[in-house]
Amino acid sequence: MPIIRPLLLATLMVSSLAFAADTTPPSPRDTELEKAKTAIARKNWPAAQAVLEPYTAANPGSADGFNLLGYSLRNQKKYDESLVAYKQALTLDPKHKGAHEYIGMAYIQMGQLDKAKEHLASLDKICTLSCEEYRDLKKAIAQVK
């Protein structure tokens, strides 16, 4: 019987720790990105921008944050501002597939097909065989021609 109690106690402690780990609330960083993604899904670009500007100021190393900020700005036709955000994302992560795709889309919308093709070439090198970002940008470029 003396061995059973310590085993039972150990089991309960491990179970408590596992439960505590499962119920840990998301970090504020994750919460803010989720708010932005929800606004983007609703195509509420100004709301996404309002979340992402302070987020990127507080998290200057977040390539994802800058990429989403660029996306929300581009969809408001604030192309120059979107390019700044995308370029920051690519400075932080030169292989960020989403940023390459989205900056390429911005260049297409701005009538700068050559620059869009440069980002398509970057995606061609980054993606092993092919990836969604490469296919989407390639399709968008083909539709312009």
Protein backbone atom coordinates (compact mmCIF):
# COMPACT_ATOMS: atom_id res chain seq x y z
CA MET A 1 0.00 0.00 0.00
CA PRO A 2 2.83 2.52 0.70
CA ILE A 3 3.96 2.37 -2.96
CA ILE A 4 0.47 2.96 -4.32
CA ARG A 5 0.00 6.33 -2.59
CA PRO A 6 3.16 7.92 -4.06
CA LEU A 7 2.25 6.55 -7.50
CA LEU A 8 -1.27 7.92 -7.19
CA LEU A 9 0.06 11.28 -6.03
CA ALA A 10 2.55 11.40 -8.92
CA THR A 11 -0.19 10.52 -11.40
CA LEU A 12 -2.42 13.27 -10.07
CA MET A 13 0.40 15.81 -10.25
CA VAL A 14 1.23 14.90 -13.85
CA SER A 15 -2.46 15.08 -14.77
CA SER A 16 -2.72 18.50 -13.15
CA LEU A 17 0.29 19.77 -15.06
CA ALA A 18 -1.04 18.44 -18.35
CA PHE A 19 -4.41 20.05 -17.69
CA ALA A 20 -2.77 23.34 -16.76
CA ALA A 21 -0.77 23.30 -19.98
CA ASP A 22 -3.91 22.71 -22.04
CA THR A 23 -5.77 25.63 -20.48
CA THR A 24 -3.02 28.22 -20.74
CA PRO A 25 -4.50 31.26 -22.47
CA PRO A 26 -2.91 32.34 -25.74
CA SER A 27 -0.18 34.94 -25.44
CA PRO A 28 -1.17 38.56 -26.13
CA ARG A 29 0.89 38.32 -29.31
CA ASP A 30 -1.22 35.43 -30.62
CA THR A 31 -4.43 37.14 -29.55
CA GLU A 32 -3.61 40.29 -31.49
CA LEU A 33 -2.69 38.37 -34.64
CA GLU A 34 -5.93 36.40 -34.34
CA LYS A 35 -7.90 39.67 -34.05
CA ALA A 36 -6.19 40.91 -37.21
CA LYS A 37 -6.86 37.66 -39.07
CA THR A 38 -10.53 37.83 -38.06
CA ALA A 39 -10.77 41.38 -39.41
CA ILE A 40 -9.04 40.28 -42.62
CA ALA A 41 -11.42 37.33 -43.02
CA ARG A 42 -14.27 39.83 -42.76
CA LYS A 43 -12.48 42.08 -45.26
CA ASN A 44 -12.45 44.82 -42.66
CA TRP A 45 -9.12 46.22 -43.80
CA PRO A 46 -9.12 49.36 -41.60
CA ALA A 47 -9.82 47.24 -38.49
CA ALA A 48 -6.96 44.89 -39.40
CA GLN A 49 -4.66 47.86 -39.93
CA ALA A 50 -5.71 49.32 -36.56
CA VAL A 51 -4.64 46.09 -34.84
CA LEU A 52 -1.51 45.45 -36.89
CA GLU A 53 0.12 48.87 -36.67
CA PRO A 54 0.51 48.76 -32.88
CA TYR A 55 1.25 45.04 -33.08
CA THR A 56 4.20 45.52 -35.44
CA ALA A 57 5.43 48.47 -33.36
CA ALA A 58 5.42 46.23 -30.27
CA ASN A 59 6.76 43.20 -32.19
CA PRO A 60 9.24 44.64 -34.71
CA GLY A 61 10.65 41.17 -35.45
CA SER A 62 7.35 39.70 -36.67
CA ALA A 63 7.54 39.05 -40.40
CA ASP A 64 3.99 37.66 -40.26
CA GLY A 65 2.73 40.84 -38.62
CA PHE A 66 4.31 43.04 -41.29
CA ASN A 67 3.04 40.76 -44.05
CA LEU A 68 -0.53 40.99 -42.76
CA LEU A 69 -0.18 44.75 -42.33
CA GLY A 70 0.93 45.02 -45.95
CA TYR A 71 -2.02 42.88 -47.01
CA SER A 72 -4.53 45.08 -45.17
CA LEU A 73 -2.95 48.23 -46.59
CA ARG A 74 -2.88 46.86 -50.15
CA ASN A 75 -6.55 46.00 -49.94
CA GLN A 76 -7.20 49.65 -49.06
CA LYS A 77 -5.23 50.61 -52.18
CA LYS A 78 -2.50 52.15 -50.00
CA TYR A 79 0.14 50.61 -52.24
CA ASP A 80 3.20 52.60 -51.18
CA GLU A 81 2.52 51.90 -47.50
CA SER A 82 1.91 48.22 -48.26
CA LEU A 83 5.26 47.97 -50.03
CA VAL A 84 7.01 49.33 -46.95
CA ALA A 85 5.34 46.67 -44.78
CA TYR A 86 6.05 43.84 -47.23
CA LYS A 87 9.69 44.89 -47.60
CA GLN A 88 10.06 44.89 -43.82
CA ALA A 89 8.58 41.36 -43.70
CA LEU A 90 11.09 40.26 -46.35
CA THR A 91 13.96 41.95 -44.53
CA LEU A 92 13.05 39.95 -41.44
CA ASP A 93 12.46 36.73 -43.39
CA PRO A 94 13.79 36.77 -46.97
CA LYS A 95 12.07 33.42 -47.64
CA HIS A 96 8.61 34.49 -46.43
CA LYS A 97 6.44 32.99 -49.15
CA GLY A 98 3.34 35.00 -48.28
CA ALA A 99 5.21 38.30 -48.41
CA HIS A 100 6.70 37.45 -51.81
CA GLU A 101 3.28 36.56 -53.17
CA TYR A 102 1.54 39.61 -51.74
CA ILE A 103 4.21 42.13 -52.73
CA GLY A 104 4.05 40.62 -56.21
CA MET A 105 0.29 41.18 -56.23
CA ALA A 106 0.82 44.77 -55.13
CA TYR A 107 3.26 45.32 -57.98
CA ILE A 108 0.72 43.87 -60.44
CA GLN A 109 -1.93 46.24 -59.12
CA MET A 110 0.54 49.11 -59.49
CA GLY A 111 1.28 48.10 -63.08
CA GLN A 112 4.86 47.03 -62.32
CA LEU A 113 4.84 43.56 -63.84
CA ASP A 114 8.64 43.28 -63.96
CA LYS A 115 8.87 43.62 -60.18
CA ALA A 116 6.07 41.08 -59.72
CA LYS A 117 8.05 38.66 -61.88
CA GLU A 118 11.11 39.17 -59.67
CA HIS A 119 9.12 37.94 -56.69
CA LEU A 120 7.76 35.04 -58.73
CA ALA A 121 11.38 34.07 -59.47
CA SER A 122 12.15 34.28 -55.74
CA LEU A 123 9.22 31.99 -54.97
CA ASP A 124 10.42 29.58 -57.64
CA LYS A 125 13.70 29.27 -55.74
CA ILE A 126 12.11 29.12 -52.28
CA CYS A 127 9.43 26.54 -53.08
CA THR A 128 10.92 23.09 -53.50
CA LEU A 129 8.61 21.83 -56.25
CA SER A 130 5.77 24.28 -56.26
CA CYS A 131 3.74 26.02 -53.63
CA GLU A 132 0.42 27.77 -53.44
CA GLU A 133 2.02 31.23 -53.25
CA TYR A 134 4.02 30.56 -56.43
CA ARG A 135 0.98 29.21 -58.29
CA ASP A 136 -1.24 32.12 -57.22
CA LEU A 137 1.26 34.79 -58.24
CA LYS A 138 2.03 33.02 -61.51
CA LYS A 139 -1.69 32.87 -62.32
CA ALA A 140 -2.13 36.58 -61.49
CA ILE A 141 0.78 37.52 -63.75
CA ALA A 142 -0.60 35.37 -66.57
CA GLN A 143 -3.98 37.10 -66.29
CA VAL A 144 -2.32 40.49 -66.86
CA LYS A 145 -0.67 39.42 -70.12
